[in-house]
C-alpha atoms as a PDB file:
ATOM      1  CA  MET A   1     -23.487  -5.667  17.604  1.00  0.00           C
ATOM      2  CA  SER A   2     -21.013  -5.789  14.328  1.00  0.00           C
ATOM      3  CA  ARG A   3     -19.203  -8.702  13.118  1.00  0.00           C
ATOM      4  CA  THR A   4     -15.959  -7.688  12.947  1.00  0.00           C
ATOM      5  CA  VAL A   5     -12.350 -10.068  12.716  1.00  0.00           C
ATOM      6  CA  ARG A   6     -10.202 -10.558  15.562  1.00  0.00           C
ATOM      7  CA  PHE A   7      -7.649 -13.009  16.768  1.00  0.00           C
ATOM      8  CA  HIS A   8      -6.549 -14.254  20.178  1.00  0.00           C
ATOM      9  CA  GLU A   9      -3.383 -15.477  19.725  1.00  0.00           C
ATOM     10  CA  LEU A  10      -0.148 -14.572  17.124  1.00  0.00           C
ATOM     11  CA  GLY A  11       0.061 -16.981  13.851  1.00  0.00           C
ATOM     12  CA  ALA A  12      -1.008 -17.790  11.167  1.00  0.00           C
ATOM     13  CA  PRO A  13      -4.096 -16.756   8.911  1.00  0.00           C
ATOM     14  CA  ASP A  14      -5.824 -19.368  11.022  1.00  0.00           C
ATOM     15  CA  VAL A  15      -6.579 -17.690  13.798  1.00  0.00           C
ATOM     16  CA  LEU A  16      -8.646 -14.814  12.516  1.00  0.00           C
ATOM     17  CA  ARG A  17     -12.087 -15.185  13.865  1.00  0.00           C
ATOM     18  CA  LEU A  18     -15.496 -13.822  12.840  1.00  0.00           C
ATOM     19  CA  GLU A  19     -17.011 -12.394  16.085  1.00  0.00           C
ATOM     20  CA  GLU A  20     -19.986 -10.504  17.099  1.00  0.00           C
ATOM     21  CA  VAL A  21     -18.803  -7.652  18.779  1.00  0.00           C
ATOM     22  CA  GLU A  22     -20.224  -4.421  20.537  1.00  0.00           C
ATOM     23  CA  VAL A  23     -19.395  -1.233  17.715  1.00  0.00           C
ATOM     24  CA  GLY A  24     -20.548   1.713  20.567  1.00  0.00           C
ATOM     25  CA  GLY A  25     -20.050   5.044  19.187  1.00  0.00           C
ATOM     26  CA  PRO A  26     -17.342   7.738  17.635  1.00  0.00           C
ATOM     27  CA  GLY A  27     -15.785   9.723  20.395  1.00  0.00           C
ATOM     28  CA  PRO A  28     -14.470  13.174  19.928  1.00  0.00           C
ATOM     29  CA  GLY A  29     -12.253  13.056  16.826  1.00  0.00           C
ATOM     30  CA  GLU A  30     -13.318   9.731  15.864  1.00  0.00           C
ATOM     31  CA  LEU A  31     -16.169   8.433  12.850  1.00  0.00           C
ATOM     32  CA  LEU A  32     -18.686   5.350  12.848  1.00  0.00           C
ATOM     33  CA  ILE A  33     -18.291   3.778   9.529  1.00  0.00           C
ATOM     34  CA  ARG A  34     -20.516   1.544   7.835  1.00  0.00           C
ATOM     35  CA  VAL A  35     -17.589  -1.002   6.310  1.00  0.00           C
ATOM     36  CA  GLU A  36     -18.439  -1.864   2.671  1.00  0.00           C
ATOM     37  CA  ALA A  37     -14.973  -3.134   1.366  1.00  0.00           C
ATOM     38  CA  ILE A  38     -11.637  -3.468   2.576  1.00  0.00           C
ATOM     39  CA  GLY A  39      -8.048  -2.853   1.362  1.00  0.00           C
ATOM     40  CA  LEU A  40      -5.579  -5.948   2.500  1.00  0.00           C
ATOM     41  CA  ASN A  41      -1.963  -5.157   3.057  1.00  0.00           C
ATOM     42  CA  ARG A  42       0.890  -7.040   3.653  1.00  0.00           C
ATOM     43  CA  ALA A  43       1.410  -5.032   6.900  1.00  0.00           C
ATOM     44  CA  GLU A  44      -1.626  -6.594   8.673  1.00  0.00           C
ATOM     45  CA  ALA A  45      -0.378 -10.343   8.072  1.00  0.00           C
ATOM     46  CA  SER A  46       2.811  -9.040   9.187  1.00  0.00           C
ATOM     47  CA  PHE A  47       0.994  -7.629  12.363  1.00  0.00           C
ATOM     48  CA  ARG A  48      -1.321 -11.308  12.653  1.00  0.00           C
ATOM     49  CA  ALA A  49       2.023 -13.285  12.751  1.00  0.00           C
ATOM     50  CA  GLY A  50       3.687 -10.956  15.776  1.00  0.00           C
ATOM     51  CA  HIS A  51       6.148  -9.600  12.777  1.00  0.00           C
ATOM     52  CA  TYR A  52       5.372  -5.927  12.206  1.00  0.00           C
ATOM     53  CA  ILE A  53       7.417  -3.120  13.603  1.00  0.00           C
ATOM     54  CA  GLU A  54       4.709  -2.509  16.173  1.00  0.00           C
ATOM     55  CA  PRO A  55       3.697  -5.202  18.289  1.00  0.00           C
ATOM     56  CA  VAL A  56       0.858  -6.338  19.313  1.00  0.00           C
ATOM     57  CA  ARG A  57      -0.161  -5.175  22.884  1.00  0.00           C
ATOM     58  CA  ARG A  58      -3.411  -6.482  23.896  1.00  0.00           C
ATOM     59  CA  PHE A  59      -5.845  -9.778  23.177  1.00  0.00           C
ATOM     60  CA  PRO A  60      -8.603 -10.361  21.474  1.00  0.00           C
ATOM     61  CA  ALA A  61      -6.926  -7.865  18.315  1.00  0.00           C
ATOM     62  CA  ARG A  62      -8.311  -6.650  15.654  1.00  0.00           C
ATOM     63  CA  LEU A  63      -6.892  -6.018  11.876  1.00  0.00           C
ATOM     64  CA  GLY A  64      -7.035  -3.130   9.111  1.00  0.00           C
ATOM     65  CA  ALA A  65      -6.414   0.145   8.051  1.00  0.00           C
ATOM     66  CA  GLU A  66      -7.468   0.891   4.738  1.00  0.00           C
ATOM     67  CA  ALA A  67     -11.399   0.838   3.684  1.00  0.00           C
ATOM     68  CA  SER A  68     -14.397   1.951   2.122  1.00  0.00           C
ATOM     69  CA  GLY A  69     -17.936   2.576   3.566  1.00  0.00           C
ATOM     70  CA  VAL A  70     -20.587   5.248   4.320  1.00  0.00           C
ATOM     71  CA  VAL A  71     -20.589   7.353   7.142  1.00  0.00           C
ATOM     72  CA  GLU A  72     -23.143   6.465  10.183  1.00  0.00           C
ATOM     73  CA  ALA A  73     -22.428   9.232  12.938  1.00  0.00           C
ATOM     74  CA  ALA A  74     -19.523  12.035  13.774  1.00  0.00           C
ATOM     75  CA  GLY A  75     -18.577  12.263  17.164  1.00  0.00           C
ATOM     76  CA  PRO A  76     -17.847  15.214  19.090  1.00  0.00           C
ATOM     77  CA  GLY A  77     -15.881  18.083  17.051  1.00  0.00           C
ATOM     78  CA  VAL A  78     -15.862  16.344  13.993  1.00  0.00           C
ATOM     79  CA  THR A  79     -16.955  18.424  11.065  1.00  0.00           C
ATOM     80  CA  GLY A  80     -17.502  18.434   7.099  1.00  0.00           C
ATOM     81  CA  PHE A  81     -18.814  14.774   7.280  1.00  0.00           C
ATOM     82  CA  ALA A  82     -22.790  13.959   7.248  1.00  0.00           C
ATOM     83  CA  ARG A  83     -24.712  10.425   7.660  1.00  0.00           C
ATOM     84  CA  GLY A  84     -24.557   8.813   4.617  1.00  0.00           C
ATOM     85  CA  GLN A  85     -21.547   9.816   2.908  1.00  0.00           C
ATOM     86  CA  ALA A  86     -19.307   7.736   0.961  1.00  0.00           C
ATOM     87  CA  VAL A  87     -16.093   7.582   2.666  1.00  0.00           C
ATOM     88  CA  SER A  88     -12.659   6.214   2.296  1.00  0.00           C
ATOM     89  CA  VAL A  89     -10.548   5.245   5.141  1.00  0.00           C
ATOM     90  CA  VAL A  90      -6.521   5.861   4.645  1.00  0.00           C
ATOM     91  CA  PRO A  91      -3.846   3.770   7.082  1.00  0.00           C
ATOM     92  CA  SER A  92      -2.879   6.780   9.219  1.00  0.00           C
ATOM     93  CA  PHE A  93      -2.957   4.671  12.823  1.00  0.00           C
ATOM     94  CA  SER A  94      -2.284   1.804  15.025  1.00  0.00           C
ATOM     95  CA  MET A  95      -3.822  -0.749  14.391  1.00  0.00           C
ATOM     96  CA  ASN A  96      -3.455  -1.622  18.653  1.00  0.00           C
ATOM     97  CA  ASP A  97      -5.885   1.609  18.847  1.00  0.00           C
ATOM     98  CA  TYR A  98      -8.013   0.853  15.351  1.00  0.00           C
ATOM     99  CA  GLY A  99      -9.049  -1.631  12.974  1.00  0.00           C
ATOM    100  CA  VAL A 100     -11.711  -1.748   9.646  1.00  0.00           C
ATOM    101  CA  TYR A 101     -11.926  -5.525   9.174  1.00  0.00           C
ATOM    102  CA  GLY A 102     -15.657  -5.492  10.621  1.00  0.00           C
ATOM    103  CA  GLU A 103     -19.347  -4.460   8.919  1.00  0.00           C
ATOM    104  CA  HIS A 104     -18.615  -1.605  11.045  1.00  0.00           C
ATOM    105  CA  ALA A 105     -15.329   0.348  12.240  1.00  0.00           C
ATOM    106  CA  ILE A 106     -14.597   3.803  13.933  1.00  0.00           C
ATOM    107  CA  VAL A 107     -11.332   5.312  13.321  1.00  0.00           C
ATOM    108  CA  PRO A 108     -10.209   8.516  13.321  1.00  0.00           C
ATOM    109  CA  ALA A 109     -11.701  12.052  11.169  1.00  0.00           C
ATOM    110  CA  SER A 110      -8.133  12.320  10.427  1.00  0.00           C
ATOM    111  CA  ALA A 111      -8.136   9.453   8.440  1.00  0.00           C
ATOM    112  CA  VAL A 112     -11.067   9.577   6.568  1.00  0.00           C
ATOM    113  CA  LEU A 113     -11.481  11.130   2.987  1.00  0.00           C
ATOM    114  CA  HIS A 114     -14.320  11.930   1.112  1.00  0.00           C
ATOM    115  CA  ARG A 115     -14.761   8.895  -2.083  1.00  0.00           C
ATOM    116  CA  PRO A 116     -14.781  10.418  -5.066  1.00  0.00           C
ATOM    117  CA  ASP A 117     -18.454   9.333  -7.050  1.00  0.00           C
ATOM    118  CA  SER A 118     -16.246   7.832  -9.509  1.00  0.00           C
ATOM    119  CA  LEU A 119     -15.054   5.519  -7.072  1.00  0.00           C
ATOM    120  CA  ASP A 120     -17.473   1.924  -6.198  1.00  0.00           C
ATOM    121  CA  ALA A 121     -16.708   0.424  -2.953  1.00  0.00           C
ATOM    122  CA  VAL A 122     -14.741  -1.847  -3.836  1.00  0.00           C
ATOM    123  CA  THR A 123     -12.214   0.211  -6.160  1.00  0.00           C
ATOM    124  CA  GLY A 124     -12.355   2.876  -2.907  1.00  0.00           C
ATOM    125  CA  ALA A 125     -10.666   0.545  -1.211  1.00  0.00           C
ATOM    126  CA  ALA A 126      -7.889  -0.257  -2.764  1.00  0.00           C
ATOM    127  CA  VAL A 127      -6.734   3.494  -4.289  1.00  0.00           C
ATOM    128  CA  TRP A 128      -5.375   5.028  -1.135  1.00  0.00           C
ATOM    129  CA  MET A 129      -2.366   2.734   0.363  1.00  0.00           C
ATOM    130  CA  PRO A 130      -1.175   2.503  -3.184  1.00  0.00           C
ATOM    131  CA  TYR A 131      -0.832   5.747  -4.636  1.00  0.00           C
ATOM    132  CA  VAL A 132      -0.420   7.313  -1.404  1.00  0.00           C
ATOM    133  CA  THR A 133       2.826   5.326  -0.856  1.00  0.00           C
ATOM    134  CA  ALA A 134       4.119   5.775  -4.075  1.00  0.00           C
ATOM    135  CA  TYR A 135       3.526   9.540  -4.352  1.00  0.00           C
ATOM    136  CA  GLY A 136       5.299   9.653  -1.554  1.00  0.00           C
ATOM    137  CA  ALA A 137       7.975   8.180  -1.785  1.00  0.00           C
ATOM    138  CA  LEU A 138       8.785   9.103  -5.468  1.00  0.00           C
ATOM    139  CA  VAL A 139       7.050  12.377  -5.473  1.00  0.00           C
ATOM    140  CA  GLU A 140       6.951  14.259  -2.127  1.00  0.00           C
ATOM    141  CA  LEU A 141      10.330  12.907  -1.240  1.00  0.00           C
ATOM    142  CA  GLY A 142      12.133  12.152  -4.117  1.00  0.00           C
ATOM    143  CA  GLY A 143      11.627  14.940  -6.335  1.00  0.00           C
ATOM    144  CA  MET A 144      10.649  12.413  -9.455  1.00  0.00           C
ATOM    145  CA  ARG A 145      10.754  14.807 -12.848  1.00  0.00           C
ATOM    146  CA  ALA A 146      10.461  14.125 -15.973  1.00  0.00           C
ATOM    147  CA  GLY A 147      12.788  11.792 -17.702  1.00  0.00           C
ATOM    148  CA  ASP A 148      13.611  10.022 -14.428  1.00  0.00           C
ATOM    149  CA  THR A 149      14.114   6.602 -14.912  1.00  0.00           C
ATOM    150  CA  VAL A 150      12.498   4.548 -11.925  1.00  0.00           C
ATOM    151  CA  VAL A 151      12.791   1.114 -10.799  1.00  0.00           C
ATOM    152  CA  LEU A 152      10.035  -0.613  -8.908  1.00  0.00           C
ATOM    153  CA  THR A 153      10.589  -4.112  -6.928  1.00  0.00           C
ATOM    154  CA  ALA A 154       7.551  -5.915  -6.669  1.00  0.00           C
ATOM    155  CA  ALA A 155       6.114  -4.436  -9.330  1.00  0.00           C
ATOM    156  CA  SER A 156       2.633  -6.172  -9.480  1.00  0.00           C
ATOM    157  CA  SER A 157       1.831  -5.188  -5.656  1.00  0.00           C
ATOM    158  CA  SER A 158      -0.653  -2.650  -5.645  1.00  0.00           C
ATOM    159  CA  VAL A 159       2.060  -0.249  -4.534  1.00  0.00           C
ATOM    160  CA  GLY A 160       4.121  -1.278  -7.336  1.00  0.00           C
ATOM    161  CA  LEU A 161       1.519  -1.198 -10.457  1.00  0.00           C
ATOM    162  CA  ALA A 162      -0.099   2.356  -8.757  1.00  0.00           C
ATOM    163  CA  ALA A 163       3.848   3.304  -9.316  1.00  0.00           C
ATOM    164  CA  ILE A 164       3.721   2.843 -12.969  1.00  0.00           C
ATOM    165  CA  GLN A 165       0.931   4.978 -13.498  1.00  0.00           C
ATOM    166  CA  VAL A 166       2.234   7.784 -11.146  1.00  0.00           C
ATOM    167  CA  ALA A 167       5.884   7.475 -12.764  1.00  0.00           C
ATOM    168  CA  ARG A 168       4.102   7.498 -15.974  1.00  0.00           C
ATOM    169  CA  ARG A 169       1.687  10.752 -15.173  1.00  0.00           C
ATOM    170  CA  MET A 170       4.955  12.470 -14.147  1.00  0.00           C
ATOM    171  CA  GLY A 171       6.251  12.393 -17.530  1.00  0.00           C
ATOM    172  CA  ALA A 172       9.397   9.515 -15.786  1.00  0.00           C
ATOM    173  CA  VAL A 173      10.158   6.146 -17.154  1.00  0.00           C
ATOM    174  CA  PRO A 174       9.432   3.348 -14.783  1.00  0.00           C
ATOM    175  CA  ILE A 175      11.553  -0.146 -14.940  1.00  0.00           C
ATOM    176  CA  ALA A 176       9.635  -2.714 -12.849  1.00  0.00           C
ATOM    177  CA  THR A 177      11.596  -6.454 -11.637  1.00  0.00           C
ATOM    178  CA  THR A 178       9.606  -9.464 -10.771  1.00  0.00           C
ATOM    179  CA  ARG A 179      10.887 -12.844  -9.512  1.00  0.00           C
ATOM    180  CA  GLY A 180      10.146 -14.799 -12.370  1.00  0.00           C
ATOM    181  CA  ARG A 181       9.114 -14.622 -16.085  1.00  0.00           C
ATOM    182  CA  ALA A 182       4.835 -14.718 -15.344  1.00  0.00           C
ATOM    183  CA  LYS A 183       4.110 -11.301 -14.598  1.00  0.00           C
ATOM    184  CA  ALA A 184       6.143  -9.733 -17.346  1.00  0.00           C
ATOM    185  CA  GLY A 185       3.641  -9.329 -19.895  1.00  0.00           C
ATOM    186  CA  ARG A 186       1.200  -7.841 -17.892  1.00  0.00           C
ATOM    187  CA  LEU A 187       3.939  -5.455 -16.160  1.00  0.00           C
ATOM    188  CA  LEU A 188       4.661  -4.353 -19.707  1.00  0.00           C
ATOM    189  CA  ARG A 189       0.352  -3.871 -20.233  1.00  0.00           C
ATOM    190  CA  ALA A 190       0.678  -2.090 -16.894  1.00  0.00           C
ATOM    191  CA  GLY A 191       3.263   0.281 -18.132  1.00  0.00           C
ATOM    192  CA  ALA A 192       6.478  -0.813 -17.090  1.00  0.00           C
ATOM    193  CA  GLU A 193       8.828   0.323 -19.853  1.00  0.00           C
ATOM    194  CA  GLU A 194      11.026  -2.191 -19.271  1.00  0.00           C
ATOM    195  CA  VAL A 195      11.287  -5.690 -17.136  1.00  0.00           C
ATOM    196  CA  ILE A 196      13.901  -7.422 -15.557  1.00  0.00           C
ATOM    197  CA  VAL A 197      12.778 -10.770 -14.252  1.00  0.00           C
ATOM    198  CA  THR A 198      15.038 -11.864 -11.250  1.00  0.00           C
ATOM    199  CA  GLY A 199      15.315 -15.188 -11.221  1.00  0.00           C
ATOM    200  CA  GLU A 200      17.419 -14.707 -14.819  1.00  0.00           C
ATOM    201  CA  GLU A 201      19.288 -11.260 -14.849  1.00  0.00           C
ATOM    202  CA  ASP A 202      21.675  -9.491 -11.712  1.00  0.00           C
ATOM    203  CA  VAL A 203      19.645  -6.493 -11.384  1.00  0.00           C
ATOM    204  CA  THR A 204      22.508  -4.072 -11.452  1.00  0.00           C
ATOM    205  CA  ALA A 205      23.667  -5.484 -14.419  1.00  0.00           C
ATOM    206  CA  GLY A 206      20.021  -4.961 -15.989  1.00  0.00           C
ATOM    207  CA  ILE A 207      19.383  -1.556 -14.589  1.00  0.00           C
ATOM    208  CA  LEU A 208      22.609  -0.194 -16.153  1.00  0.00           C
ATOM    209  CA  ARG A 209      21.483  -2.343 -19.825  1.00  0.00           C
ATOM    210  CA  ILE A 210      18.210  -0.107 -19.890  1.00  0.00           C
ATOM    211  CA  THR A 211      19.660   3.081 -18.982  1.00  0.00           C
ATOM    212  CA  GLY A 212      22.634   2.929 -21.199  1.00  0.00           C
ATOM    213  CA  GLY A 213      24.985   2.550 -18.493  1.00  0.00           C
ATOM    214  CA  ARG A 214      23.432   5.951 -16.739  1.00  0.00           C
ATOM    215  CA  GLY A 215      21.636   4.010 -13.901  1.00  0.00           C
ATOM    216  CA  ALA A 216      18.539   4.955 -12.152  1.00  0.00           C
ATOM    217  CA  ASP A 217      17.418   8.085 -10.593  1.00  0.00           C
ATOM    218  CA  LEU A 218      14.645   6.380  -7.955  1.00  0.00           C
ATOM    219  CA  VAL A 219      14.223   3.093  -6.348  1.00  0.00           C
ATOM    220  CA  LEU A 220      10.887   2.413  -4.631  1.00  0.00           C
ATOM    221  CA  ASP A 221      11.891  -0.794  -3.080  1.00  0.00           C
ATOM    222  CA  ALA A 222       9.230  -3.282  -0.982  1.00  0.00           C
ATOM    223  CA  VAL A 223      11.763  -6.281  -0.992  1.00  0.00           C
ATOM    224  CA  ALA A 224      14.805  -4.826   0.701  1.00  0.00           C
ATOM    225  CA  GLY A 225      17.445  -7.572   2.753  1.00  0.00           C
ATOM    226  CA  PRO A 226      20.571  -8.183   0.925  1.00  0.00           C
ATOM    227  CA  GLY A 227      18.828  -7.217  -2.738  1.00  0.00           C
ATOM    228  CA  VAL A 228      19.466  -3.210  -1.691  1.00  0.00           C
ATOM    229  CA  THR A 229      22.733  -3.861  -3.096  1.00  0.00           C
ATOM    230  CA  ALA A 230      22.942  -4.710  -6.026  1.00  0.00           C
ATOM    231  CA  LEU A 231      20.055  -1.864  -6.196  1.00  0.00           C
ATOM    232  CA  ALA A 232      21.880   0.563  -5.391  1.00  0.00           C
ATOM    233  CA  GLY A 233      24.551  -1.053  -7.462  1.00  0.00           C
ATOM    234  CA  GLY A 234      22.202   0.425 -10.470  1.00  0.00           C
ATOM    235  CA  LEU A 235      21.798   3.968  -8.792  1.00  0.00           C
ATOM    236  CA  ALA A 236      22.846   7.118 -11.509  1.00  0.00           C
ATOM    237  CA  PRO A 237      24.859   9.089  -9.759  1.00  0.00           C
ATOM    238  CA  GLY A 238      22.199  11.673  -7.549  1.00  0.00           C
ATOM    239  CA  GLY A 239      20.035   9.022  -7.228  1.00  0.00           C
ATOM    240  CA  ARG A 240      18.095   7.863  -4.211  1.00  0.00           C
ATOM    241  CA  LEU A 241      16.859   4.474  -2.748  1.00  0.00           C
ATOM    242  CA  PHE A 242      13.336   4.152  -1.161  1.00  0.00           C
ATOM    243  CA  VAL A 243      12.976   1.144   0.921  1.00  0.00           C
ATOM    244  CA  TYR A 244       9.262   0.695   2.087  1.00  0.00           C
ATOM    245  CA  GLY A 245       8.721  -2.937   2.998  1.00  0.00           C
ATOM    246  CA  GLY A 246      10.487  -6.050   3.681  1.00  0.00           C
ATOM    247  CA  LEU A 247       9.080  -8.478   1.559  1.00  0.00           C
ATOM    248  CA  SER A 248      12.754 -11.031   1.769  1.00  0.00           C
ATOM    249  CA  GLY A 249      12.123 -11.256   5.860  1.00  0.00           C
ATOM    250  CA  ARG A 250      15.967 -10.377   5.954  1.00  0.00           C
ATOM    251  CA  ASP A 251      18.176  -8.038   7.520  1.00  0.00           C
ATOM    252  CA  THR A 252      18.705  -5.100   5.038  1.00  0.00           C
ATOM    253  CA  PRO A 253      22.633  -4.155   4.949  1.00  0.00           C
ATOM    254  CA  PHE A 254      23.560  -0.949   4.403  1.00  0.00           C
ATOM    255  CA  PRO A 255      25.167  -1.197   0.878  1.00  0.00           C
ATOM    256  CA  PRO A 256      29.026  -0.931   0.789  1.00  0.00           C
ATOM    257  CA  LEU A 257      29.787   2.641  -0.677  1.00  0.00           C
ATOM    258  CA  GLY A 258      32.066   0.912  -3.613  1.00  0.00           C
ATOM    259  CA  THR A 259      29.127  -0.228  -4.909  1.00  0.00           C
ATOM    260  CA  MET A 260      26.213   2.683  -3.355  1.00  0.00           C
ATOM    261  CA  ARG A 261      26.958   5.161  -6.444  1.00  0.00           C
ATOM    262  CA  ALA A 262      25.219   7.659  -5.252  1.00  0.00           C
ATOM    263  CA  ARG A 263      25.049   6.670  -1.425  1.00  0.00           C
ATOM    264  CA  SER A 264      21.478   7.935  -0.834  1.00  0.00           C
ATOM    265  CA  MET A 265      19.310   5.258   1.035  1.00  0.00           C
ATOM    266  CA  HIS A 266      16.200   6.624   2.948  1.00  0.00           C
ATOM    267  CA  GLY A 267      13.632   4.104   4.765  1.00  0.00           C
ATOM    268  CA  TYR A 268      10.050   5.526   3.860  1.00  0.00           C
ATOM    269  CA  VAL A 269       6.732   3.959   5.934  1.00  0.00           C
ATOM    270  CA  MET A 270       3.490   5.896   4.407  1.00  0.00           C
ATOM    271  CA  PHE A 271       2.462   7.621   7.689  1.00  0.00           C
ATOM    272  CA  GLU A 272       5.476  10.107   7.195  1.00  0.00           C
ATOM    273  CA  THR A 273       2.403  11.346   4.315  1.00  0.00           C
ATOM    274  CA  THR A 274      -1.096  10.186   5.951  1.00  0.00           C
ATOM    275  CA  THR A 275      -0.115  11.519   9.140  1.00  0.00           C
ATOM    276  CA  ASP A 276       0.747  14.975   7.921  1.00  0.00           C
ATOM    277  CA  PRO A 277      -2.190  17.620   7.599  1.00  0.00           C
ATOM    278  CA  VAL A 278      -0.404  19.266   5.028  1.00  0.00           C
ATOM    279  CA  ARG A 279       1.495  16.033   2.455  1.00  0.00           C
ATOM    280  CA  LEU A 280      -1.871  14.576   2.916  1.00  0.00           C
ATOM    281  CA  ARG A 281      -3.950  17.024   1.274  1.00  0.00           C
ATOM    282  CA  ARG A 282      -1.571  17.280  -1.074  1.00  0.00           C
ATOM    283  CA  ALA A 283      -1.270  13.387  -1.604  1.00  0.00           C
ATOM    284  CA  GLU A 284      -5.296  13.865  -1.896  1.00  0.00           C
ATOM    285  CA  ALA A 285      -5.338  16.141  -4.650  1.00  0.00           C
ATOM    286  CA  PHE A 286      -2.460  14.410  -6.876  1.00  0.00           C
ATOM    287  CA  VAL A 287      -4.143  11.396  -6.270  1.00  0.00           C
ATOM    288  CA  SER A 288      -7.931  12.696  -7.315  1.00  0.00           C
ATOM    289  CA  SER A 289      -6.451  14.607 -10.140  1.00  0.00           C
ATOM    290  CA  GLY A 290      -5.308  11.357 -11.742  1.00  0.00           C
ATOM    291  CA  LEU A 291      -8.392   9.748 -10.893  1.00  0.00           C
ATOM    292  CA  ARG A 292     -10.485  12.304 -12.743  1.00  0.00           C
ATOM    293  CA  SER A 293      -8.243  12.521 -15.520  1.00  0.00           C
ATOM    294  CA  GLY A 294      -8.367   8.348 -16.538  1.00  0.00           C
ATOM    295  CA  ALA A 295      -4.513   8.271 -15.440  1.00  0.00           C
ATOM    296  CA  PHE A 296      -4.802   6.217 -12.790  1.00  0.00           C
ATOM    297  CA  VAL A 297      -6.600   3.282 -12.707  1.00  0.00           C
ATOM    298  CA  PRO A 298      -6.885   1.161  -9.573  1.00  0.00           C
ATOM    299  CA  VAL A 299      -6.060  -2.841 -10.259  1.00  0.00           C
ATOM    300  CA  VAL A 300      -7.867  -5.294  -8.109  1.00  0.00           C
ATOM    301  CA  ASP A 301      -7.089  -8.910  -8.356  1.00  0.00           C
ATOM    302  CA  ARG A 302      -9.760 -10.512  -6.424  1.00  0.00           C
ATOM    303  CA  VAL A 303     -12.381 -10.087  -4.213  1.00  0.00           C
ATOM    304  CA  PHE A 304     -13.301 -11.980  -1.112  1.00  0.00           C
ATOM    305  CA  ALA A 305     -16.387 -12.011   1.053  1.00  0.00           C
ATOM    306  CA  LEU A 306     -16.023 -10.991   5.124  1.00  0.00           C
ATOM    307  CA  GLU A 307     -16.776 -14.510   6.309  1.00  0.00           C
ATOM    308  CA  GLU A 308     -13.707 -15.405   3.385  1.00  0.00           C
ATOM    309  CA  ILE A 309     -11.047 -13.805   6.038  1.00  0.00           C
ATOM    310  CA  VAL A 310      -8.647 -16.562   6.310  1.00  0.00           C
ATOM    311  CA  GLU A 311      -8.400 -17.907   2.787  1.00  0.00           C
ATOM    312  CA  ALA A 312      -8.281 -13.865   1.812  1.00  0.00           C
ATOM    313  CA  HIS A 313      -4.718 -13.817   4.350  1.00  0.00           C
ATOM    314  CA  ARG A 314      -3.975 -16.831   2.261  1.00  0.00           C
ATOM    315  CA  TYR A 315      -3.470 -15.737  -0.607  1.00  0.00           C
ATOM    316  CA  LEU A 316      -2.665 -12.372   0.234  1.00  0.00           C
ATOM    317  CA  GLU A 317       0.674 -14.292   1.869  1.00  0.00           C
ATOM    318  CA  SER A 318       1.235 -16.814  -1.478  1.00  0.00           C
ATOM    319  CA  GLY A 319       2.361 -13.774  -3.687  1.00  0.00           C
ATOM    320  CA  ASP A 320       0.220 -14.296  -6.105  1.00  0.00           C
ATOM    321  CA  GLN A 321      -1.790 -11.515  -6.585  1.00  0.00           C
ATOM    322  CA  PHE A 322      -1.461  -8.714  -9.382  1.00  0.00           C
ATOM    323  CA  GLY A 323      -2.833  -5.658  -7.762  1.00  0.00           C
ATOM    324  CA  LYS A 324      -4.810  -5.779  -4.861  1.00  0.00           C
ATOM    325  CA  ILE A 325      -6.825  -7.825  -2.431  1.00  0.00           C
ATOM    326  CA  VAL A 326     -10.045  -6.236  -1.263  1.00  0.00           C
ATOM    327  CA  VAL A 327     -12.643  -7.736   0.961  1.00  0.00           C
ATOM    328  CA  THR A 328     -16.310  -6.750   0.780  1.00  0.00           C
ATOM    329  CA  ALA A 329     -18.624  -6.506   4.293  1.00  0.00           C
ATOM    330  CA  GLY A 330     -21.602  -7.020   3.003  1.00  0.00           C
ATOM    331  CA  GLY A 331     -22.023 -10.258   2.468  1.00  0.00           C
ATOM    332  CA  ARG A 332     -20.379 -12.533  -0.883  1.00  0.00           C
ATOM    333  CA  PRO A 333     -19.160  -9.948  -3.876  1.00  0.00           C
END
């Protein structure tokens, strides 16, 4: 038996329960992981509340797709992993099939990466979703190059902060957006070249001001909704807008052609990278290289214990965090 977070109905964070559950052994192509730390993502809050792109298919349901831990057992056909090895789990599977919120988790071996020696458990749970998301959209699909200007919305999120570092490593120029001035200074210290405070300045005007009227080469947008029109208006000719989240909770229009100077808007989900073995191999090499060089330093905002999962989800939904929220599975942090 192992303590596992489950929920028996859709709803607010209060529906989460910490329960004793029989774990079992790994099947073909699977690994049994002793979970040390869990990286929280907004997708999990959406799944719990019934607002995710994929509905909950059965109850009780589990949560979580990003964690770090130690291999305890390998299922038939799994090679390359040994008992006791430190690993990280990357989001690449449906939470209807697997979940990592607990002391133990069975996951597909294809979703597991060896954890670099330089990463402790907490940091190992805060790396892969943010950096692979940023890499997949900006580098793999967006073709980001040195000198490009990149606009990042929700820049104080774990993905936003990782994207700042990815842009810097590529020689690009990151421009952060944030709703209020409270986080502006921290974003500049985190590496943003400029910050647009959306509560004080029109986004299109801000982008054009910073770029001398040329516009941005790339936009990575976590907010979506009506605001994409202003972002599209700030694109340079040939620029590309990637929408990877829906924090606004509102319908996202295709911007009127008269306001979209590049006419290039794409949806992006991390699974485009993590479920493709070739792309995932390149992403792992890119992120690992950045970690070794010191160019990538994951930002962890706050660490909760597994017993505090309801409070952790409340904090996740508050939007007050600056970086990643992590939950430890081995007792209080």
